[in-house]
Amino acid sequence: MIKRLHLGNFKAFAETQKAPLRPLTLLYGPNSAGKSSLIHSLALAHHGLLTGDLDVQRTEIGGESIDLGGFRQYVHRRDAARRVEWGLDLSTADARDQLAELLAPVGSVSIRLSIGLGFIGEQRTLFGELAREQGRVVGVESCAILADDKPLLSMSARRDGRMRIDRLDQQHAVFRRFVRGLIESATYYQKVGDAEIGAAESAIDDLLPTFDVQRRGLLPRVQLRGSAQEDLAQALISPAASGDRQEDVRRTVRLAAPRMLRDLINGVADAAATALQGFHYLGPLRSYPPRHLAFSPHHDPNWHAGGGAAWDVLRRDDDVRAVVNRWLSSPERLSTPYEVVVRDLVAFDQLDKPLRSAIEAIQEHDGLAIEAEYDDEPKLTAAYPIIKDVDAEVESFKTVLREADVDRFSEIVLVDRRSNTVVSHRDVGIGVSQVLPVLVNAYGHRQKTVAIEQPEIHLHPALQSELADVFIESALGERRNTLLLETHSEHLILRILRRVRETTEKTLPAGARPVLPEDVTVLYIEPEGPASRIIELPVTSDGEFARPWPRGFFAERMRELV
């Protein structure tokens, strides 16, 4: 889980800002202050992870809602000489395998990146000067890994496209534990003194200049030569015992340290990649789908950010559709009269064969021969089906049609429960079409980071308040999502504060989720001269803010009432 986002020299932010993320994170502030910049930086990192492109204009996940314009546009004040500072703090609670073992002494691990216009190649002029403007490319210029906010190691890019470790803090608890454990397990020396520790540190210092880190896209990767693993395995099978304690330690560390550094760098990179791959985004202007969704174009550039993918989720996922209907229709919740239903549309000209088969089955099962005699005419024999259970036969017909090999399309419709009338979302006003993608993003993900801009758009105040309970359920219920909500809604935060107060006072209404102050982060983005800064507004257990809103935000109501 992402615990904190670091961001500097990006759009509205100059000095690096720290944005703590909790299950319910709300972003407030004046227009154009930089609220969306936090979300856009995650979209940039997500895109860089998937494609390797950090000079991107439109990200894959952001569609038309996120137009970064390339590095020279999103770097602060359009100053291409600056470096964008970006980083994540991650909890180590979910670390696995070697990374969990390495990070056992700490509770969090961080990766911090500097993104800038670097150089590739070394083309020289006739005068022997380096042609620095040749081959400029946007990429990660430096990377640092920290544990419990203390630096572990730092790396920087070289002109060959690789990275080298510039600094490693061997006094950090992570490295001290590794070195001591290695000496005790891979040598015969059970007592580790200062001399052995010094020998280990010296061996690691000698190793660092030769340790290459590959720079691919956003995150660094390490790949050891095949012999390194074999040498280490042999060293662990046959503990060193030459009689020279310091030389034994140096030999063992030289064999083991590359694997340890690989596991650390790759493990942290994998954890950051997992967090970014779990990032989902819904833009502020949801698309207004055509009347017949079954025939609408899919996967356009705005497919995810514009909410088009949400309708597809509703069509194919019974569980998400059920929970959306529960909140959409329930009088205790959003209180709308509509229910989302899936209908199958089939090709009419392909129904002859399945209908004939269904009718013949009825005749064979329920047919009764009747003889009729007329004047001067021969006897006639006819067979008439006797249908004893009409409803059963209707269901039988429907089963035959469902199993028939005909072209079919699934269509999403709304049923007005007041009159049992089937309507399109085009018939019920834009509010429903805007809130459905919000509900799907809240309920269609599990253990993901879900960013939604202006979730309250086109909703009246009562629905905005009820939407807060949707987010509480998504974040603190079984789905355990982290929600990043850019909003101007006072009703949204008031409902969350109310739930905090009711949790403390033990007066929560039936079915409501408890909300603790540590579940909520409220961030106010405040313009300050040519840049912006992030102000955290802590929530108290009685559902209040521990500090006043900057510049009287939300004070408009009081001014209007005077």
Protein backbone atom coordinates (compact mmCIF):
# COMPACT_ATOMS: atom_id res chain seq x y z
CA MET A 1 0.00 0.00 0.00
CA ILE A 2 1.23 3.48 -0.87
CA LYS A 3 1.73 5.40 2.37
CA ARG A 4 3.03 8.67 0.98
CA LEU A 5 3.69 10.40 -2.33
CA HIS A 6 6.64 12.75 -2.86
CA LEU A 7 6.46 15.30 -5.65
CA GLY A 8 8.62 18.27 -6.64
CA ASN A 9 9.27 20.40 -9.73
CA PHE A 10 6.10 19.02 -11.27
CA LYS A 11 3.47 21.40 -12.62
CA ALA A 12 2.34 23.62 -9.72
CA PHE A 13 4.86 22.24 -7.20
CA ALA A 14 8.41 23.53 -6.86
CA GLU A 15 9.92 22.28 -3.61
CA THR A 16 9.25 18.61 -3.01
CA GLN A 17 5.93 18.13 -1.24
CA LYS A 18 4.86 15.16 0.87
CA ALA A 19 1.33 13.86 0.46
CA PRO A 20 0.34 11.14 2.93
CA LEU A 21 -2.19 8.70 1.50
CA ARG A 22 -4.70 6.87 3.64
CA PRO A 23 -7.72 4.74 2.68
CA LEU A 24 -9.79 7.93 2.32
CA THR A 25 -7.67 10.76 0.90
CA LEU A 26 -9.45 13.96 -0.15
CA LEU A 27 -7.85 16.80 -2.09
CA TYR A 28 -9.26 20.32 -1.71
CA GLY A 29 -8.13 23.76 -2.78
CA PRO A 30 -8.84 26.64 -5.16
CA ASN A 31 -9.13 26.09 -8.88
CA SER A 32 -5.78 25.70 -10.68
CA ALA A 33 -3.94 25.31 -7.36
CA GLY A 34 -2.54 21.88 -8.26
CA LYS A 35 -4.97 19.37 -6.79
CA SER A 36 -4.93 17.30 -9.96
CA SER A 37 -1.13 17.40 -10.16
CA LEU A 38 -0.83 14.73 -7.50
CA ILE A 39 -3.07 12.40 -9.49
CA HIS A 40 -1.40 13.28 -12.78
CA SER A 41 2.02 12.40 -11.39
CA LEU A 42 0.77 8.91 -10.59
CA ALA A 43 -0.62 8.64 -14.13
CA LEU A 44 2.79 9.69 -15.49
CA ALA A 45 4.58 7.06 -13.41
CA HIS A 46 2.01 4.42 -14.38
CA HIS A 47 2.58 5.26 -18.06
CA GLY A 48 6.36 5.25 -17.66
CA LEU A 49 6.22 1.85 -16.01
CA LEU A 50 4.13 0.34 -18.84
CA THR A 51 5.81 1.99 -21.82
CA GLY A 52 9.14 3.41 -20.68
CA ASP A 53 8.08 6.81 -22.04
CA LEU A 54 8.45 9.73 -19.61
CA ASP A 55 8.23 12.45 -22.26
CA VAL A 56 4.58 11.62 -22.74
CA GLN A 57 1.79 13.99 -23.71
CA ARG A 58 -1.29 11.86 -23.07
CA THR A 59 -1.04 8.89 -20.76
CA GLU A 60 -2.75 5.61 -21.54
CA ILE A 61 -4.76 5.68 -18.34
CA GLY A 62 -5.63 9.39 -18.47
CA GLY A 63 -7.19 9.65 -21.93
CA GLU A 64 -8.37 13.15 -22.78
CA SER A 65 -8.50 14.13 -19.11
CA ILE A 66 -4.72 14.14 -18.61
CA ASP A 67 -2.72 16.04 -21.23
CA LEU A 68 0.78 16.41 -19.81
CA GLY A 69 2.23 17.94 -22.97
CA GLY A 70 5.65 16.31 -22.56
CA PHE A 71 8.48 16.95 -20.11
CA ARG A 72 9.00 20.59 -21.07
CA GLN A 73 5.36 21.27 -20.23
CA TYR A 74 4.93 19.35 -16.98
CA VAL A 75 8.26 20.31 -15.40
CA HIS A 76 7.75 23.26 -13.02
CA ARG A 77 7.74 26.66 -14.75
CA ARG A 78 8.63 24.94 -18.06
CA ASP A 79 12.29 24.96 -16.96
CA ALA A 80 13.89 22.00 -18.76
CA ALA A 81 17.02 22.34 -16.60
CA ARG A 82 15.04 21.22 -13.55
CA ARG A 83 14.48 17.64 -12.47
CA VAL A 84 11.09 16.31 -11.52
CA GLU A 85 11.30 14.68 -8.09
CA TRP A 86 8.91 11.76 -7.64
CA GLY A 87 8.72 9.02 -5.04
CA LEU A 88 6.60 6.56 -3.11
CA ASP A 89 6.69 5.37 0.50
CA LEU A 90 5.45 1.79 0.79
CA SER A 91 4.56 -0.34 3.77
CA THR A 92 6.80 -3.37 4.29
CA ALA A 93 3.95 -5.35 5.83
CA ASP A 94 3.18 -7.02 2.50
CA ALA A 95 6.80 -7.65 1.47
CA ARG A 96 7.55 -11.23 0.45
CA ASP A 97 10.50 -13.61 0.11
CA GLN A 98 14.00 -12.11 0.20
CA LEU A 99 12.74 -8.53 0.41
CA ALA A 100 10.73 -9.33 3.54
CA GLU A 101 13.83 -10.83 5.13
CA LEU A 102 16.00 -7.86 4.22
CA LEU A 103 13.48 -5.25 5.40
CA ALA A 104 12.49 -7.05 8.60
CA PRO A 105 13.99 -4.29 10.84
CA VAL A 106 11.92 -1.48 9.25
CA GLY A 107 8.26 -0.59 8.72
CA SER A 108 8.46 1.33 5.45
CA VAL A 109 10.59 1.49 2.34
CA SER A 110 10.81 4.37 -0.13
CA ILE A 111 11.93 4.84 -3.70
CA ARG A 112 12.75 8.37 -4.90
CA LEU A 113 13.41 9.21 -8.54
CA SER A 114 14.76 12.28 -10.31
CA ILE A 115 13.47 12.63 -13.88
CA GLY A 116 15.21 14.99 -16.27
CA LEU A 117 16.72 15.61 -19.69
CA GLY A 118 19.77 13.38 -19.63
CA PHE A 119 22.25 12.55 -22.37
CA ILE A 120 23.04 9.43 -24.34
CA GLY A 121 26.21 8.96 -26.33
CA GLU A 122 29.36 11.07 -26.30
CA GLN A 123 29.62 12.85 -29.63
CA ARG A 124 32.48 15.36 -29.70
CA THR A 125 33.00 18.46 -31.82
CA LEU A 126 36.05 19.26 -33.93
CA PHE A 127 37.46 21.11 -30.92
CA GLY A 128 37.09 18.08 -28.64
CA GLU A 129 34.17 19.53 -26.68
CA LEU A 130 31.33 17.26 -25.76
CA ALA A 131 28.27 17.95 -27.90
CA ARG A 132 25.87 17.90 -25.00
CA GLU A 133 22.77 18.73 -27.00
CA GLN A 134 23.08 15.54 -29.03
CA GLY A 135 20.79 12.72 -27.99
CA ARG A 136 18.97 14.39 -25.13
CA VAL A 137 16.30 12.08 -23.75
CA VAL A 138 13.91 12.26 -20.80
CA GLY A 139 14.68 9.57 -18.28
CA VAL A 140 15.44 8.70 -14.66
CA GLU A 141 18.71 10.41 -13.79
CA SER A 142 18.99 9.26 -10.19
CA CYS A 143 17.30 6.87 -7.80
CA ALA A 144 17.45 6.52 -4.02
CA ILE A 145 16.09 3.82 -1.74
CA LEU A 146 15.29 4.65 1.88
CA ALA A 147 14.01 2.59 4.80
CA ASP A 148 12.13 4.27 7.63
CA ASP A 149 13.05 7.58 5.93
CA LYS A 150 16.79 6.87 6.32
CA PRO A 151 18.85 6.54 3.11
CA LEU A 152 19.98 3.03 2.20
CA LEU A 153 21.60 3.66 -1.15
CA SER A 154 21.59 6.09 -4.06
CA MET A 155 22.27 5.55 -7.75
CA SER A 156 22.80 7.82 -10.74
CA ALA A 157 22.69 7.30 -14.48
CA ARG A 158 25.79 7.05 -16.65
CA ARG A 159 26.11 7.88 -20.32
CA ASP A 160 25.95 4.22 -21.33
CA GLY A 161 22.35 4.08 -20.10
CA ARG A 162 23.18 2.15 -16.93
CA MET A 163 23.18 3.30 -13.32
CA ARG A 164 25.90 2.99 -10.71
CA ILE A 165 25.58 2.98 -6.95
CA ASP A 166 27.08 6.23 -5.66
CA ARG A 167 26.47 5.80 -1.96
CA LEU A 168 25.48 3.03 0.41
CA ASP A 169 24.90 3.59 4.12
CA GLN A 170 26.43 0.53 5.72
CA GLN A 171 25.51 1.83 9.17
CA HIS A 172 21.81 1.42 8.41
CA ALA A 173 20.07 -1.30 10.43
CA VAL A 174 19.18 -3.16 7.23
CA PHE A 175 22.81 -3.57 6.16
CA ARG A 176 24.17 -4.18 9.67
CA ARG A 177 21.72 -7.01 10.13
CA PHE A 178 22.55 -8.50 6.73
CA VAL A 179 26.32 -8.37 7.26
CA ARG A 180 26.20 -9.82 10.75
CA GLY A 181 23.85 -12.60 9.70
CA LEU A 182 25.99 -13.43 6.65
CA ILE A 183 29.20 -13.68 8.65
CA GLU A 184 27.58 -15.93 11.23
CA SER A 185 25.95 -18.24 8.65
CA ALA A 186 28.67 -18.46 5.99
CA THR A 187 31.81 -18.65 8.18
CA TYR A 188 32.82 -20.54 11.28
CA TYR A 189 33.03 -17.31 13.28
CA GLN A 190 30.11 -17.09 15.68
CA LYS A 191 31.42 -13.98 17.36
CA VAL A 192 31.42 -10.95 15.10
CA GLY A 193 33.58 -8.04 16.17
CA ASP A 194 34.50 -4.64 14.80
CA ALA A 195 37.34 -6.12 12.71
CA GLU A 196 34.97 -8.46 10.86
CA ILE A 197 32.41 -5.69 10.32
CA GLY A 198 35.16 -3.41 8.98
CA ALA A 199 36.36 -6.12 6.59
CA ALA A 200 32.81 -6.58 5.31
CA GLU A 201 32.33 -2.85 4.77
CA SER A 202 35.63 -2.64 2.91
CA ALA A 203 34.60 -5.50 0.61
CA ILE A 204 31.29 -3.81 -0.18
CA ASP A 205 33.03 -0.47 -0.88
CA ASP A 206 35.31 -2.22 -3.38
CA LEU A 207 32.33 -3.88 -5.04
CA LEU A 208 30.14 -0.79 -5.59
CA PRO A 209 32.05 0.77 -8.53
CA THR A 210 31.67 -2.47 -10.51
CA PHE A 211 27.99 -3.08 -9.73
CA ASP A 212 25.80 -2.21 -12.73
CA VAL A 213 22.11 -1.37 -12.53
CA GLN A 214 20.05 -1.36 -15.70
CA ARG A 215 17.91 1.70 -16.34
CA ARG A 216 14.80 0.61 -18.18
CA GLY A 217 11.92 3.05 -18.27
CA LEU A 218 10.88 4.10 -14.80
CA LEU A 219 12.41 1.66 -12.32
CA PRO A 220 15.95 0.24 -12.06
CA ARG A 221 16.66 -3.49 -12.44
CA VAL A 222 19.65 -5.69 -11.59
CA GLN A 223 20.58 -8.91 -13.39
CA LEU A 224 23.56 -10.88 -12.07
CA ARG A 225 25.82 -13.01 -14.19
CA GLY A 226 25.12 -16.74 -13.91
CA SER A 227 28.41 -17.53 -12.16
CA ALA A 228 27.60 -15.20 -9.26
CA GLN A 229 24.79 -17.46 -8.08
CA GLU A 230 26.96 -20.59 -8.35
CA ASP A 231 29.84 -18.98 -6.47
CA LEU A 232 27.50 -17.89 -3.67
CA ALA A 233 25.89 -21.32 -3.40
CA GLN A 234 29.34 -22.94 -3.15
CA ALA A 235 30.41 -20.46 -0.48
CA LEU A 236 27.35 -21.23 1.64
CA ILE A 237 27.87 -24.98 1.28
CA SER A 238 31.56 -24.74 2.21
CA PRO A 239 31.99 -22.08 4.91
CA ALA A 240 35.18 -20.05 4.67
CA ALA A 241 37.91 -21.10 7.11
CA SER A 242 41.32 -20.06 5.81
CA GLY A 243 42.51 -18.94 9.21
CA ASP A 244 42.54 -15.28 8.17
CA ARG A 245 39.26 -14.07 9.65
CA GLN A 246 39.14 -10.76 7.80
CA GLU A 247 40.00 -12.34 4.44
CA ASP A 248 37.31 -15.00 4.99
CA VAL A 249 34.78 -12.28 5.68
CA ARG A 250 35.82 -10.25 2.62
CA ARG A 251 35.59 -13.32 0.37
CA THR A 252 32.14 -14.23 1.67
CA VAL A 253 30.80 -10.69 1.40
CA ARG A 254 32.16 -10.31 -2.15
CA LEU A 255 30.14 -13.36 -3.14
CA ALA A 256 26.96 -12.55 -1.20
CA ALA A 257 26.66 -8.76 -1.49
CA PRO A 258 25.72 -8.71 -5.21
CA ARG A 259 22.77 -10.99 -4.56
CA MET A 260 21.74 -8.94 -1.55
CA LEU A 261 21.86 -5.68 -3.54
CA ARG A 262 19.96 -7.31 -6.39
CA ASP A 263 17.24 -8.57 -4.06
CA LEU A 264 16.97 -5.16 -2.41
CA ILE A 265 16.85 -3.04 -5.59
CA ASN A 266 14.66 -5.43 -7.58
CA GLY A 267 12.41 -6.11 -4.60
CA VAL A 268 11.74 -2.43 -3.96
CA ALA A 269 11.27 -1.82 -7.70
CA ASP A 270 8.80 -4.72 -7.87
CA ALA A 271 6.86 -3.39 -4.88
CA ALA A 272 6.64 0.07 -6.49
CA ALA A 273 5.62 -1.50 -9.80
CA THR A 274 2.86 -3.49 -8.10
CA ALA A 275 1.54 -0.32 -6.46
CA LEU A 276 1.56 1.56 -9.78
CA GLN A 277 -0.03 -1.31 -11.71
CA GLY A 278 -2.87 -1.15 -9.19
CA PHE A 279 -3.53 2.53 -9.98
CA HIS A 280 -6.89 3.34 -11.62
CA TYR A 281 -8.21 6.71 -12.70
CA LEU A 282 -11.60 8.27 -13.46
CA GLY A 283 -11.54 11.75 -14.94
CA PRO A 284 -13.71 14.75 -14.05
CA LEU A 285 -15.84 14.65 -17.20
CA ARG A 286 -17.41 11.24 -17.66
CA SER A 287 -18.44 10.43 -21.22
CA TYR A 288 -22.14 10.33 -22.03
CA PRO A 289 -22.54 6.98 -23.78
CA PRO A 290 -24.86 6.51 -26.77
CA ARG A 291 -28.36 5.17 -26.27
CA HIS A 292 -27.47 1.63 -27.33
CA LEU A 293 -24.31 0.66 -25.49
CA ALA A 294 -24.05 -2.73 -27.20
CA PHE A 295 -23.07 -1.02 -30.44
CA SER A 296 -20.84 1.72 -29.06
CA PRO A 297 -17.13 1.82 -30.00
CA HIS A 298 -14.88 0.30 -27.37
CA HIS A 299 -11.41 1.16 -26.11
CA ASP A 300 -11.16 4.68 -27.46
CA PRO A 301 -8.47 6.93 -25.88
CA ASN A 302 -10.93 8.00 -23.21
CA TRP A 303 -12.15 4.47 -22.46
CA HIS A 304 -11.01 4.32 -18.82
CA ALA A 305 -10.71 7.98 -17.82
CA GLY A 306 -14.08 8.84 -19.34
CA GLY A 307 -15.91 6.01 -17.62
CA GLY A 308 -16.69 3.97 -20.75
CA ALA A 309 -15.02 0.89 -19.25
CA ALA A 310 -17.39 1.10 -16.27
CA TRP A 311 -20.39 0.27 -18.45
CA ASP A 312 -18.58 -2.76 -19.76
CA VAL A 313 -17.86 -3.90 -16.19
CA LEU A 314 -21.56 -3.52 -15.35
CA ARG A 315 -22.46 -5.61 -18.38
CA ARG A 316 -20.19 -8.57 -17.65
CA ASP A 317 -19.71 -8.61 -13.84
CA ASP A 318 -22.79 -9.82 -11.98
CA ASP A 319 -21.31 -9.11 -8.55
CA VAL A 320 -20.41 -5.49 -9.30
CA ARG A 321 -23.80 -4.93 -10.93
CA ALA A 322 -25.56 -6.33 -7.86
CA VAL A 323 -23.73 -4.09 -5.39
CA VAL A 324 -24.16 -1.03 -7.64
CA ASN A 325 -27.90 -1.74 -7.80
CA ARG A 326 -27.99 -2.11 -4.03
CA TRP A 327 -26.65 1.42 -3.61
CA LEU A 328 -28.42 2.89 -6.60
CA SER A 329 -31.89 1.67 -5.71
CA SER A 330 -31.95 1.30 -1.94
CA PRO A 331 -34.07 3.93 -0.14
CA GLU A 332 -31.44 3.98 2.62
CA ARG A 333 -28.71 4.90 0.17
CA LEU A 334 -28.74 6.79 -3.14
CA SER A 335 -32.51 6.46 -3.33
CA THR A 336 -32.86 6.53 -7.10
CA PRO A 337 -35.76 4.55 -8.64
CA TYR A 338 -33.55 2.79 -11.18
CA GLU A 339 -32.01 -0.65 -11.43
CA VAL A 340 -29.31 -1.71 -13.92
CA VAL A 341 -30.33 -4.75 -15.98
CA VAL A 342 -28.59 -6.67 -18.78
CA ARG A 343 -30.63 -7.66 -21.82
CA ASP A 344 -29.54 -9.99 -24.63
CA LEU A 345 -30.19 -8.83 -28.18
CA VAL A 346 -30.20 -11.62 -30.79
CA ALA A 347 -30.29 -11.70 -34.59
CA PHE A 348 -33.96 -12.07 -35.60
CA ASP A 349 -33.22 -13.81 -38.92
CA GLN A 350 -31.31 -16.58 -37.13
CA LEU A 351 -34.19 -17.65 -34.86
CA ASP A 352 -36.02 -19.99 -37.29
CA LYS A 353 -34.10 -23.12 -36.40
CA PRO A 354 -34.09 -22.76 -32.56
CA LEU A 355 -37.81 -21.80 -32.56
CA ARG A 356 -38.68 -24.81 -34.71
CA SER A 357 -36.75 -27.08 -32.37
CA ALA A 358 -38.55 -25.65 -29.34
CA ILE A 359 -42.01 -26.12 -30.92
CA GLU A 360 -41.23 -29.67 -31.98
CA ALA A 361 -40.10 -30.48 -28.47
CA ILE A 362 -43.44 -29.30 -27.09
CA GLN A 363 -45.33 -31.41 -29.65
CA GLU A 364 -43.34 -34.50 -28.80
CA HIS A 365 -43.75 -33.98 -25.09
CA ASP A 366 -47.34 -32.70 -24.85
CA GLY A 367 -48.98 -33.59 -28.20
CA LEU A 368 -52.42 -35.38 -28.30
CA ALA A 369 -53.87 -36.94 -31.46
CA ILE A 370 -57.54 -36.09 -32.16
CA GLU A 371 -59.63 -37.74 -34.92
CA ALA A 372 -62.32 -35.71 -36.69
CA GLU A 373 -64.97 -37.09 -39.14
CA TYR A 374 -66.88 -34.85 -41.56
CA ASP A 375 -69.77 -35.62 -43.99
CA ASP A 376 -68.58 -37.24 -47.21
CA GLU A 377 -64.94 -36.67 -46.15
CA PRO A 378 -62.30 -39.17 -44.97
CA LYS A 379 -61.12 -39.18 -41.40
CA LEU A 380 -58.54 -36.55 -40.54
CA THR A 381 -55.98 -36.88 -37.82
CA ALA A 382 -54.44 -33.82 -36.21
CA ALA A 383 -52.02 -33.32 -33.31
CA TYR A 384 -52.57 -30.40 -30.93
CA PRO A 385 -50.17 -29.61 -28.05
CA ILE A 386 -51.74 -29.47 -24.65
CA ILE A 387 -49.65 -27.00 -22.60
CA LYS A 388 -50.18 -27.70 -18.95
CA ASP A 389 -47.70 -25.15 -17.55
CA VAL A 390 -47.36 -22.02 -19.68
CA ASP A 391 -44.65 -20.46 -17.51
CA ALA A 392 -42.55 -23.62 -17.69
CA GLU A 393 -42.83 -23.70 -21.48
CA VAL A 394 -41.85 -20.03 -21.69
CA GLU A 395 -38.74 -20.76 -19.65
CA SER A 396 -38.04 -23.74 -21.90
CA PHE A 397 -38.25 -21.46 -24.95
CA LYS A 398 -35.89 -18.98 -23.34
CA THR A 399 -33.42 -21.75 -22.53
CA VAL A 400 -33.42 -22.90 -26.14
CA LEU A 401 -32.75 -19.34 -27.33
CA ARG A 402 -29.97 -18.80 -24.82
CA GLU A 403 -28.21 -21.97 -25.95
CA ALA A 404 -28.79 -21.36 -29.65
CA ASP A 405 -25.86 -20.62 -31.91
CA VAL A 406 -26.97 -17.15 -33.00
CA ASP A 407 -25.37 -13.71 -32.96
CA ARG A 408 -26.10 -11.91 -29.72
CA PHE A 409 -25.19 -8.68 -27.96
CA SER A 410 -25.51 -7.70 -24.31
CA GLU A 411 -27.26 -4.39 -23.70
CA ILE A 412 -27.33 -2.39 -20.48
CA VAL A 413 -30.67 -0.79 -19.65
CA LEU A 414 -32.27 0.83 -16.64
CA VAL A 415 -35.55 -0.33 -15.18
CA ASP A 416 -37.70 2.33 -13.51
CA ARG A 417 -39.04 0.38 -10.53
CA ARG A 418 -41.91 2.83 -10.05
CA SER A 419 -43.55 1.76 -13.32
CA ASN A 420 -41.47 -1.28 -14.30
CA THR A 421 -40.52 0.58 -17.48
CA VAL A 422 -37.32 -0.14 -19.38
CA VAL A 423 -35.46 3.08 -20.17
CA SER A 424 -32.07 4.11 -21.45
CA HIS A 425 -29.61 6.16 -19.43
CA ARG A 426 -30.34 8.83 -22.06
CA ASP A 427 -33.90 9.07 -20.70
CA VAL A 428 -33.11 9.67 -17.03
CA GLY A 429 -30.87 12.72 -16.99
CA ILE A 430 -27.12 13.04 -16.99
CA GLY A 431 -26.67 12.57 -13.22
CA VAL A 432 -27.18 8.79 -13.33
CA SER A 433 -24.76 8.35 -16.23
CA GLN A 434 -22.17 10.36 -14.28
CA VAL A 435 -22.50 8.53 -10.99
CA LEU A 436 -22.51 4.98 -12.39
CA PRO A 437 -18.80 5.06 -13.37
CA VAL A 438 -18.02 6.37 -9.88
CA LEU A 439 -19.88 3.46 -8.27
CA VAL A 440 -18.18 0.93 -10.56
CA ASN A 441 -14.73 2.31 -9.76
CA ALA A 442 -15.51 2.18 -6.05
CA TYR A 443 -16.86 -1.39 -6.12
CA GLY A 444 -15.08 -2.93 -9.11
CA HIS A 445 -11.56 -2.92 -7.57
CA ARG A 446 -9.92 -4.64 -4.62
CA GLN A 447 -6.77 -3.45 -2.85
CA LYS A 448 -6.11 -0.84 -5.54
CA THR A 449 -5.38 2.88 -5.57
CA VAL A 450 -8.38 4.54 -7.22
CA ALA A 451 -8.19 8.22 -8.14
CA ILE A 452 -11.43 10.02 -9.02
CA GLU A 453 -11.65 13.67 -10.00
CA GLN A 454 -14.82 15.51 -8.99
CA PRO A 455 -16.92 12.47 -8.07
CA GLU A 456 -19.76 14.78 -7.06
CA ILE A 457 -20.29 16.31 -10.49
CA HIS A 458 -23.98 16.58 -11.54
CA LEU A 459 -25.19 15.22 -8.16
CA HIS A 460 -27.42 17.15 -5.82
CA PRO A 461 -26.23 17.67 -2.20
CA ALA A 462 -28.06 14.70 -0.68
CA LEU A 463 -26.51 12.31 -3.19
CA GLN A 464 -23.07 13.80 -2.57
CA SER A 465 -23.43 12.95 1.11
CA GLU A 466 -24.58 9.42 0.34
CA LEU A 467 -21.65 9.01 -2.03
CA ALA A 468 -19.32 9.44 0.96
CA ASP A 469 -20.70 6.20 2.40
CA VAL A 470 -19.95 4.50 -0.94
CA PHE A 471 -16.31 5.54 -0.59
CA ILE A 472 -16.18 4.48 3.05
CA GLU A 473 -17.46 1.03 2.08
CA SER A 474 -14.94 0.74 -0.77
CA ALA A 475 -11.97 1.81 1.37
CA LEU A 476 -12.76 0.29 4.76
CA GLY A 477 -14.93 -2.67 3.77
CA GLU A 478 -13.74 -5.94 2.32
CA ARG A 479 -12.36 -4.29 -0.86
CA ARG A 480 -9.67 -2.32 1.04
CA ASN A 481 -9.05 0.22 -1.70
CA THR A 482 -7.12 3.47 -1.29
CA LEU A 483 -9.28 6.30 -2.66
CA LEU A 484 -7.74 9.54 -3.87
CA LEU A 485 -10.60 12.01 -4.37
CA GLU A 486 -10.13 15.45 -5.92
CA THR A 487 -13.25 17.36 -4.95
CA HIS A 488 -14.90 20.65 -4.07
CA SER A 489 -17.77 19.00 -2.21
CA GLU A 490 -18.42 20.15 1.34
CA HIS A 491 -21.15 17.52 1.71
CA LEU A 492 -18.68 14.72 1.02
CA ILE A 493 -16.29 15.62 3.82
CA LEU A 494 -19.10 16.49 6.23
CA ARG A 495 -20.51 12.96 5.94
CA ILE A 496 -17.08 11.42 6.53
CA LEU A 497 -16.53 13.65 9.59
CA ARG A 498 -19.95 12.65 10.84
CA ARG A 499 -19.03 8.96 10.57
CA VAL A 500 -15.81 9.62 12.52
CA ARG A 501 -17.82 11.33 15.26
CA GLU A 502 -20.43 8.54 15.32
CA THR A 503 -17.66 5.94 15.53
CA THR A 504 -16.18 7.68 18.57
CA GLU A 505 -19.58 8.10 20.21
CA LYS A 506 -20.70 4.58 19.22
CA THR A 507 -23.82 5.95 17.52
CA LEU A 508 -23.24 4.62 14.01
CA PRO A 509 -26.46 3.77 12.17
CA ALA A 510 -27.04 0.13 11.24
CA GLY A 511 -24.90 -0.95 8.31
CA ALA A 512 -22.50 2.02 8.46
CA ARG A 513 -18.76 1.34 8.58
CA PRO A 514 -16.68 2.70 11.48
CA VAL A 515 -14.25 5.44 10.42
CA LEU A 516 -11.22 6.35 12.52
CA PRO A 517 -9.17 9.56 12.19
CA GLU A 518 -6.21 7.51 10.91
CA ASP A 519 -8.37 6.30 8.01
CA VAL A 520 -8.73 9.82 6.60
CA THR A 521 -6.33 12.30 5.04
CA VAL A 522 -7.54 15.75 4.00
CA LEU A 523 -5.00 17.69 1.93
CA TYR A 524 -5.44 21.34 1.05
CA ILE A 525 -3.43 22.56 -1.95
CA GLU A 526 -2.63 26.23 -1.44
CA PRO A 527 -1.06 28.56 -4.00
CA GLU A 528 1.94 30.34 -2.52
CA GLY A 529 3.48 32.80 -4.94
CA PRO A 530 4.52 31.09 -8.18
CA ALA A 531 4.23 27.60 -6.65
CA SER A 532 1.85 25.61 -4.47
CA ARG A 533 2.21 23.73 -1.23
CA ILE A 534 0.34 20.86 0.41
CA ILE A 535 -1.20 21.43 3.84
CA GLU A 536 -2.47 18.42 5.76
CA LEU A 537 -5.58 18.99 7.86
CA PRO A 538 -5.64 16.29 10.55
CA VAL A 539 -9.02 14.93 11.63
CA THR A 540 -9.78 14.53 15.33
CA SER A 541 -11.75 11.73 16.96
CA ASP A 542 -14.76 14.01 17.45
CA GLY A 543 -15.06 14.60 13.72
CA GLU A 544 -13.43 18.03 13.59
CA PHE A 545 -10.27 19.42 12.02
CA ALA A 546 -7.26 19.90 14.26
CA ARG A 547 -6.43 23.18 12.49
CA PRO A 548 -8.54 25.78 10.67
CA TRP A 549 -9.02 25.66 6.94
CA PRO A 550 -6.51 27.89 5.12
CA ARG A 551 -7.96 31.15 3.89
CA GLY A 552 -11.38 30.29 5.24
CA PHE A 553 -12.14 27.61 2.68
CA PHE A 554 -15.85 26.68 2.89
CA ALA A 555 -16.49 29.97 4.70
CA GLU A 556 -18.69 31.11 1.80
CA ARG A 557 -21.73 29.52 3.44
CA MET A 558 -21.31 31.62 6.57
CA ARG A 559 -20.82 34.81 4.56
CA GLU A 560 -23.99 34.15 2.58
CA LEU A 561 -25.99 33.51 5.77
CA VAL A 562 -24.98 36.76 7.44
